[in-house]
Amino acid sequence: MTSTSEAAPFRAPPAFTLEPGKPVPADLRGRVLALGNFDGVHRGHAELARVAGAMAAQQGTQAAALTFEPHPRTVFRPDQPVFRLTPEPIKVALLAGLGLSPSFVVPFDRAVAGIPAEAFVDDLLLDQLGAAGLVCGYDFHFGKGRTGSPEMLQARAGHAGIPVAVVPPFSFQGEPVSSTLVRTALEAGDIGHAEALLGRPWFVRGEIAHGDKRGRDLGYPTANMHLAHDCRLRFGIYAVRMKLDGGWRDGVASFGSRPTFDDGAPRLETFVFDFSGDLYGKTVDVAFVAFLRGEAKFDSLDALIGQMDADSARARGILAATPAFLP
C-alpha cells in the first residue's frame, strides 16, 4: 500500500473519453493537443506528434492527442463504412508511442457533429481541457457543417493566448502521405507501399477462433481470425509475422473466402512456421510483410498443397531477408 507521504506518480491513462460536463482530472489538463482522426497513425501523424512535442517542451507541459471515435464517416454514411486502418485500441497505443498520451477520445455522433465550431474551441478545447497549445493538419475541419478550419482555430485560440501550429501537407520520398493512400495500397495488396507511408508494418489484432480444421488435414494448421467487416485488404496470400509471447514469429497467411472450399465470409488464416501450440482464445497481432499472390481456386487438394508448399518456401525466403521486428 502506498503511504500518503509517498504517493505513486500519476500515470496518464492511454485513453480518456470526453463527455459533456465530465470534468477532466487536473493532471490531464493543460496539455498541448494534437487534433485529428489519426486513422493509420502514419508518417504525417508522426509529424503532428513531433510538432506537438516541440510545442509542449516550450510550454513546459506534455503533448496529448484529441481524436474521434467512431470515424465520422461511419456516422454519416453507415452503408459505406470506411476501411479502418487502426481501430481505437491500436490507434491509442501507436499515438502513445509517438509521445501523445493520453488520447482524449470524443465519442462522435450527430450531436457532436452539430456543435458549432466556436463552441468546440471554447467549451471543449479551452475550458474542459485547458489546452496549452494546439496542433492540427492543414486540412483539419470540425464543428457544425465543418465550418471550423485551421485558420479559424488559429484566430479563436490565438485570441485567448493559446498558440496554434498548422502542419502543412507531409510528403515522404516526394509522395504525399494520407490515410486514403494507405487504404488504397492495402486494397491493391501493395504492402511495401503501405509500409512506406505508415513508417512501420501494417498489422491487425484479433482473437484466434476455431475454424473448420481443414488446415490440419492439409499439413498446414492455421490460426484463424475474423477481421473487421470494413477490412478491404486484397484477398490473397501474404508473408506475415505473428506476435506471440512478446516476440514475432514468421509465417504465411491467407486472407479471403477460400474459393476451393466454400467461398465463405472473409477470414485470415495464418500458418506460423516451426510452431506447435494451442492459440485458441488468444489475442494476437499479425503484421503483413509482403503480398505473394492473389486468391485462387484449385481443382484438387494435391494442387492446393503444392501451391501452399511453394507459398511457404517463398514466404520463408522473403522473411529471412526482412529485418527482424522489435518486440
Protein backbone atom coordinates (compact mmCIF):
# COMPACT_ATOMS: atom_id res chain seq x y z
CA MET A 1 0.00 0.00 0.00
CA THR A 2 1.29 3.48 -0.88
CA SER A 3 1.55 5.89 2.01
CA THR A 4 0.13 9.41 1.77
CA SER A 5 3.62 10.83 2.16
CA GLU A 6 4.94 8.77 -0.76
CA ALA A 7 2.14 8.96 -3.32
CA ALA A 8 2.64 6.98 -6.51
CA PRO A 9 3.42 9.13 -9.55
CA PHE A 10 0.41 9.96 -11.69
CA ARG A 11 0.14 7.72 -14.73
CA ALA A 12 -1.90 9.04 -17.61
CA PRO A 13 -4.44 6.54 -18.92
CA PRO A 14 -3.87 5.55 -22.56
CA ALA A 15 -7.28 7.00 -23.43
CA PHE A 16 -9.73 9.32 -21.72
CA THR A 17 -13.28 9.59 -23.02
CA LEU A 18 -14.58 13.15 -23.11
CA GLU A 19 -18.21 13.65 -22.24
CA PRO A 20 -20.15 16.93 -21.98
CA GLY A 21 -19.80 18.26 -18.47
CA LYS A 22 -17.45 15.45 -17.42
CA PRO A 23 -14.55 17.01 -15.50
CA VAL A 24 -11.06 16.27 -16.74
CA PRO A 25 -8.58 15.38 -13.97
CA ALA A 26 -6.26 18.26 -13.18
CA ASP A 27 -3.26 16.07 -14.05
CA LEU A 28 -4.55 15.74 -17.62
CA ARG A 29 -5.40 19.37 -18.25
CA GLY A 30 -3.11 21.98 -19.68
CA ARG A 31 -1.50 19.89 -22.39
CA VAL A 32 -0.60 20.65 -25.97
CA LEU A 33 -3.18 18.83 -28.08
CA ALA A 34 -2.61 17.28 -31.48
CA LEU A 35 -6.00 17.16 -33.21
CA GLY A 36 -7.23 14.67 -35.80
CA ASN A 37 -8.79 11.33 -36.66
CA PHE A 38 -5.34 9.71 -36.80
CA ASP A 39 -6.53 6.57 -38.62
CA GLY A 40 -3.43 4.59 -39.51
CA VAL A 41 -1.09 6.73 -37.40
CA HIS A 42 1.13 7.26 -40.43
CA ARG A 43 4.20 9.40 -41.09
CA GLY A 44 2.09 12.55 -41.43
CA HIS A 45 0.59 11.92 -37.99
CA ALA A 46 4.10 11.37 -36.63
CA GLU A 47 4.95 14.86 -37.88
CA LEU A 48 1.99 16.29 -35.96
CA ALA A 49 3.26 14.48 -32.88
CA ARG A 50 6.76 15.90 -33.39
CA VAL A 51 5.44 19.46 -33.67
CA ALA A 52 3.17 18.96 -30.65
CA GLY A 53 6.07 17.59 -28.63
CA ALA A 54 8.26 20.56 -29.51
CA MET A 55 5.50 23.00 -28.56
CA ALA A 56 4.86 21.14 -25.31
CA ALA A 57 8.55 21.40 -24.40
CA GLN A 58 8.38 25.16 -24.99
CA GLN A 59 5.26 25.40 -22.84
CA GLY A 60 6.71 23.26 -20.07
CA THR A 61 3.99 20.63 -20.36
CA GLN A 62 3.24 17.36 -22.18
CA ALA A 63 1.65 16.53 -25.51
CA ALA A 64 -1.57 14.57 -25.95
CA ALA A 65 -3.94 13.68 -28.77
CA LEU A 66 -7.58 14.55 -29.30
CA THR A 67 -9.36 12.18 -31.63
CA PHE A 68 -12.82 10.93 -32.55
CA GLU A 69 -14.50 7.53 -32.32
CA PRO A 70 -16.07 6.11 -34.34
CA HIS A 71 -14.75 7.55 -37.57
CA PRO A 72 -17.15 10.34 -38.68
CA ARG A 73 -17.85 8.58 -41.96
CA THR A 74 -19.32 5.67 -40.00
CA VAL A 75 -21.87 8.08 -38.54
CA PHE A 76 -22.80 9.90 -41.73
CA ARG A 77 -22.51 7.03 -44.21
CA PRO A 78 -23.08 3.80 -42.28
CA ASP A 79 -23.82 1.98 -45.54
CA GLN A 80 -20.32 2.86 -46.78
CA PRO A 81 -18.07 2.21 -43.76
CA VAL A 82 -14.52 3.42 -44.01
CA PHE A 83 -11.75 0.82 -44.11
CA ARG A 84 -10.32 1.38 -40.63
CA LEU A 85 -6.55 1.00 -40.57
CA THR A 86 -6.24 1.22 -36.79
CA PRO A 87 -9.20 0.50 -34.51
CA GLU A 88 -9.26 2.60 -31.35
CA PRO A 89 -7.07 0.42 -29.06
CA ILE A 90 -4.33 0.16 -31.69
CA LYS A 91 -4.57 3.84 -32.59
CA VAL A 92 -4.28 4.89 -28.95
CA ALA A 93 -1.25 2.65 -28.39
CA LEU A 94 0.52 3.92 -31.51
CA LEU A 95 -0.16 7.55 -30.58
CA ALA A 96 1.28 6.91 -27.13
CA GLY A 97 4.35 5.51 -28.84
CA LEU A 98 4.72 8.87 -30.60
CA GLY A 99 4.60 10.70 -27.29
CA LEU A 100 0.92 11.66 -27.41
CA SER A 101 -0.63 10.42 -24.18
CA PRO A 102 -3.35 10.21 -23.27
CA SER A 103 -5.61 10.21 -26.30
CA PHE A 104 -8.68 12.26 -25.44
CA VAL A 105 -11.45 10.44 -27.29
CA VAL A 106 -14.55 12.37 -28.35
CA PRO A 107 -17.48 9.94 -28.85
CA PHE A 108 -18.58 11.09 -32.29
CA ASP A 109 -22.26 11.17 -33.16
CA ARG A 110 -24.65 13.57 -34.85
CA ALA A 111 -24.98 15.61 -31.67
CA VAL A 112 -21.23 16.19 -31.54
CA ALA A 113 -21.22 16.91 -35.26
CA GLY A 114 -23.80 19.61 -34.59
CA ILE A 115 -21.69 21.53 -32.07
CA PRO A 116 -20.80 24.96 -33.51
CA ALA A 117 -17.11 25.27 -34.27
CA GLU A 118 -16.79 28.21 -31.88
CA ALA A 119 -18.23 26.14 -29.01
CA PHE A 120 -15.94 23.24 -29.87
CA VAL A 121 -12.94 25.52 -29.39
CA ASP A 122 -14.20 27.50 -26.38
CA ASP A 123 -16.01 24.80 -24.40
CA LEU A 124 -14.06 21.64 -25.17
CA LEU A 125 -10.52 22.62 -26.10
CA LEU A 126 -10.05 25.66 -23.89
CA ASP A 127 -12.43 25.22 -20.95
CA GLN A 128 -12.79 21.45 -20.49
CA LEU A 129 -9.24 20.52 -21.47
CA GLY A 130 -7.45 23.77 -20.68
CA ALA A 131 -5.25 23.34 -23.75
CA ALA A 132 -1.82 24.96 -23.52
CA GLY A 133 -1.39 24.73 -27.28
CA LEU A 134 -2.97 23.17 -30.35
CA VAL A 135 -1.55 21.41 -33.39
CA CYS A 136 -3.56 20.34 -36.44
CA GLY A 137 -3.08 19.44 -40.07
CA TYR A 138 -3.71 21.87 -42.90
CA ASP A 139 -6.96 20.06 -43.78
CA PHE A 140 -8.43 19.71 -40.28
CA HIS A 141 -12.11 20.76 -40.19
CA PHE A 142 -14.53 20.48 -37.31
CA GLY A 143 -17.81 21.70 -35.88
CA LYS A 144 -21.27 22.02 -37.36
CA GLY A 145 -21.13 21.95 -41.13
CA ARG A 146 -17.33 21.53 -40.88
CA THR A 147 -17.09 25.31 -40.62
CA GLY A 148 -14.16 25.12 -38.25
CA SER A 149 -10.85 25.41 -40.09
CA PRO A 150 -7.18 25.74 -39.15
CA GLU A 151 -7.41 29.47 -39.80
CA MET A 152 -10.47 29.81 -37.57
CA LEU A 153 -8.73 27.74 -34.88
CA GLN A 154 -5.68 30.00 -35.00
CA ALA A 155 -7.80 33.10 -34.72
CA ARG A 156 -10.11 31.85 -31.95
CA ALA A 157 -7.50 30.18 -29.77
CA GLY A 158 -4.95 32.86 -30.51
CA HIS A 159 -7.36 35.48 -29.17
CA ALA A 160 -7.27 33.54 -25.88
CA GLY A 161 -3.46 33.49 -25.95
CA ILE A 162 -3.20 29.82 -26.96
CA PRO A 163 -0.62 29.05 -29.69
CA VAL A 164 -1.78 27.05 -32.69
CA ALA A 165 0.54 25.31 -35.16
CA VAL A 166 -0.81 24.19 -38.53
CA VAL A 167 1.23 21.40 -40.12
CA PRO A 168 1.45 21.63 -43.93
CA PRO A 169 0.97 18.65 -46.26
CA PHE A 170 3.52 15.98 -45.40
CA SER A 171 5.41 14.03 -48.05
CA PHE A 172 7.72 11.04 -47.89
CA GLN A 173 10.22 10.49 -50.69
CA GLY A 174 8.34 13.03 -52.77
CA GLU A 175 4.90 11.45 -52.29
CA PRO A 176 2.10 12.87 -50.16
CA VAL A 177 1.11 10.77 -47.14
CA SER A 178 -2.51 10.19 -46.20
CA SER A 179 -4.75 7.54 -44.68
CA THR A 180 -6.59 7.31 -48.01
CA LEU A 181 -3.40 6.41 -49.87
CA VAL A 182 -2.55 3.76 -47.27
CA ARG A 183 -6.01 2.23 -47.72
CA THR A 184 -5.60 2.28 -51.50
CA ALA A 185 -2.26 0.49 -51.23
CA LEU A 186 -3.67 -2.24 -48.99
CA GLU A 187 -6.69 -2.71 -51.22
CA ALA A 188 -4.24 -3.35 -54.07
CA GLY A 189 -2.10 -5.70 -51.96
CA ASP A 190 0.82 -3.26 -52.21
CA ILE A 191 2.19 -3.97 -48.75
CA GLY A 192 5.54 -2.31 -49.37
CA HIS A 193 3.90 0.95 -50.39
CA ALA A 194 1.58 0.90 -47.37
CA GLU A 195 4.53 0.29 -45.05
CA ALA A 196 6.48 3.16 -46.60
CA LEU A 197 3.59 5.56 -46.00
CA LEU A 198 2.98 4.30 -42.47
CA GLY A 199 6.61 4.19 -41.45
CA ARG A 200 6.01 0.73 -39.96
CA PRO A 201 4.39 -2.58 -40.95
CA TRP A 202 0.59 -2.62 -41.06
CA PHE A 203 -0.89 -5.10 -38.64
CA VAL A 204 -4.23 -6.37 -37.43
CA ARG A 205 -5.25 -7.61 -33.99
CA GLY A 206 -7.79 -10.27 -33.23
CA GLU A 207 -8.73 -13.33 -31.22
CA ILE A 208 -7.83 -16.74 -32.57
CA ALA A 209 -11.05 -18.62 -33.26
CA HIS A 210 -11.88 -22.21 -34.16
CA GLY A 211 -12.09 -22.84 -37.87
CA ASP A 212 -13.04 -25.84 -39.96
CA LYS A 213 -9.73 -27.62 -39.17
CA ARG A 214 -9.02 -28.28 -42.87
CA GLY A 215 -5.51 -26.89 -42.49
CA ARG A 216 -4.54 -29.75 -40.19
CA ASP A 217 -5.54 -32.30 -42.79
CA LEU A 218 -3.50 -30.44 -45.40
CA GLY A 219 -0.42 -30.27 -43.22
CA TYR A 220 -0.87 -26.56 -42.55
CA PRO A 221 -2.69 -25.97 -39.26
CA THR A 222 -3.72 -22.33 -39.19
CA ALA A 223 -4.66 -19.76 -36.59
CA ASN A 224 -7.94 -18.21 -37.74
CA MET A 225 -9.07 -14.62 -37.19
CA HIS A 226 -12.16 -12.76 -38.32
CA LEU A 227 -11.19 -9.23 -39.31
CA ALA A 228 -13.48 -6.22 -39.13
CA HIS A 229 -16.27 -6.19 -41.71
CA ASP A 230 -14.87 -2.97 -43.16
CA CYS A 231 -11.46 -4.51 -43.93
CA ARG A 232 -10.76 -4.24 -47.64
CA LEU A 233 -7.30 -5.77 -47.73
CA ARG A 234 -6.81 -7.54 -51.06
CA PHE A 235 -7.71 -11.21 -50.96
CA GLY A 236 -4.61 -13.32 -51.32
CA ILE A 237 -1.58 -14.93 -49.74
CA TYR A 238 0.91 -12.95 -47.63
CA ALA A 239 4.24 -13.35 -45.88
CA VAL A 240 3.47 -12.30 -42.32
CA ARG A 241 4.73 -12.19 -38.76
CA MET A 242 2.60 -13.01 -35.74
CA LYS A 243 3.36 -11.62 -32.30
CA LEU A 244 3.40 -14.44 -29.75
CA ASP A 245 4.53 -14.17 -26.14
CA GLY A 246 6.18 -10.81 -26.78
CA GLY A 247 8.11 -11.89 -29.88
CA TRP A 248 7.43 -12.04 -33.61
CA ARG A 249 7.21 -15.39 -35.39
CA ASP A 250 7.41 -15.81 -39.17
CA GLY A 251 4.55 -17.28 -41.13
CA VAL A 252 2.37 -17.26 -44.19
CA ALA A 253 -1.28 -16.24 -44.26
CA SER A 254 -4.33 -16.37 -46.47
CA PHE A 255 -6.96 -13.67 -46.37
CA GLY A 256 -10.09 -14.35 -48.33
CA SER A 257 -13.15 -16.52 -48.84
CA ARG A 258 -11.48 -19.91 -49.52
CA PRO A 259 -12.84 -20.45 -53.06
CA THR A 260 -11.52 -24.01 -53.24
CA PHE A 261 -13.82 -24.97 -50.38
CA ASP A 262 -16.76 -22.73 -49.51
CA ASP A 263 -16.46 -19.10 -50.66
CA GLY A 264 -17.39 -18.19 -47.10
CA ALA A 265 -17.08 -14.99 -45.10
CA PRO A 266 -13.59 -13.47 -45.37
CA ARG A 267 -11.16 -14.84 -42.82
CA LEU A 268 -7.46 -14.51 -42.06
CA GLU A 269 -5.76 -17.90 -41.72
CA THR A 270 -2.13 -17.81 -40.53
CA PHE A 271 0.32 -20.71 -40.56
CA VAL A 272 3.16 -19.95 -38.15
CA PHE A 273 6.41 -21.64 -39.19
CA ASP A 274 8.01 -24.15 -36.83
CA PHE A 275 5.38 -23.69 -34.14
CA SER A 276 3.13 -26.05 -32.30
CA GLY A 277 0.80 -24.99 -29.55
CA ASP A 278 -2.73 -24.03 -28.67
CA LEU A 279 -3.57 -20.46 -29.67
CA TYR A 280 -7.36 -20.64 -29.38
CA GLY A 281 -8.78 -17.71 -27.47
CA LYS A 282 -5.55 -15.73 -27.55
CA THR A 283 -5.46 -12.19 -28.92
CA VAL A 284 -2.54 -11.73 -31.31
CA ASP A 285 -1.15 -9.24 -33.78
CA VAL A 286 -0.46 -10.24 -37.37
CA ALA A 287 1.81 -7.92 -39.37
CA PHE A 288 1.90 -8.05 -43.17
CA VAL A 289 5.31 -8.11 -44.80
CA ALA A 290 4.72 -8.97 -48.47
CA PHE A 291 1.97 -9.94 -50.90
CA LEU A 292 2.68 -13.26 -52.60
CA ARG A 293 -0.26 -13.88 -54.92
CA GLY A 294 -3.97 -13.44 -55.32
CA GLU A 295 -6.56 -15.87 -54.04
CA ALA A 296 -7.22 -18.76 -56.41
CA LYS A 297 -9.43 -21.82 -56.76
CA PHE A 298 -7.71 -25.19 -57.22
CA ASP A 299 -9.08 -28.26 -58.96
CA SER A 300 -7.61 -30.71 -56.48
CA LEU A 301 -6.22 -30.85 -52.96
CA ASP A 302 -2.87 -32.02 -54.33
CA ALA A 303 -2.64 -28.89 -56.48
CA LEU A 304 -3.57 -26.73 -53.48
CA ILE A 305 -0.99 -28.39 -51.22
CA GLY A 306 1.68 -28.00 -53.89
CA GLN A 307 0.93 -24.29 -54.12
CA MET A 308 0.92 -23.95 -50.32
CA ASP A 309 4.36 -25.56 -50.22
CA ALA A 310 5.59 -23.04 -52.80
CA ASP A 311 3.97 -20.13 -50.95
CA SER A 312 5.58 -21.18 -47.67
CA ALA A 313 9.02 -21.51 -49.25
CA ARG A 314 8.69 -18.09 -50.85
CA ALA A 315 7.47 -16.51 -47.62
CA ARG A 316 10.38 -18.00 -45.69
CA GLY A 317 12.81 -16.53 -48.19
CA ILE A 318 11.25 -13.06 -48.03
CA LEU A 319 11.09 -13.06 -44.24
CA ALA A 320 14.67 -14.28 -43.90
CA ALA A 321 15.76 -11.20 -45.86
CA THR A 322 13.50 -8.84 -43.86
CA PRO A 323 14.93 -7.26 -40.70
CA ALA A 324 13.51 -8.69 -37.50
CA PHE A 325 10.78 -6.69 -35.76
CA LEU A 326 11.39 -5.24 -32.33
CA PRO A 327 9.48 -6.95 -29.51
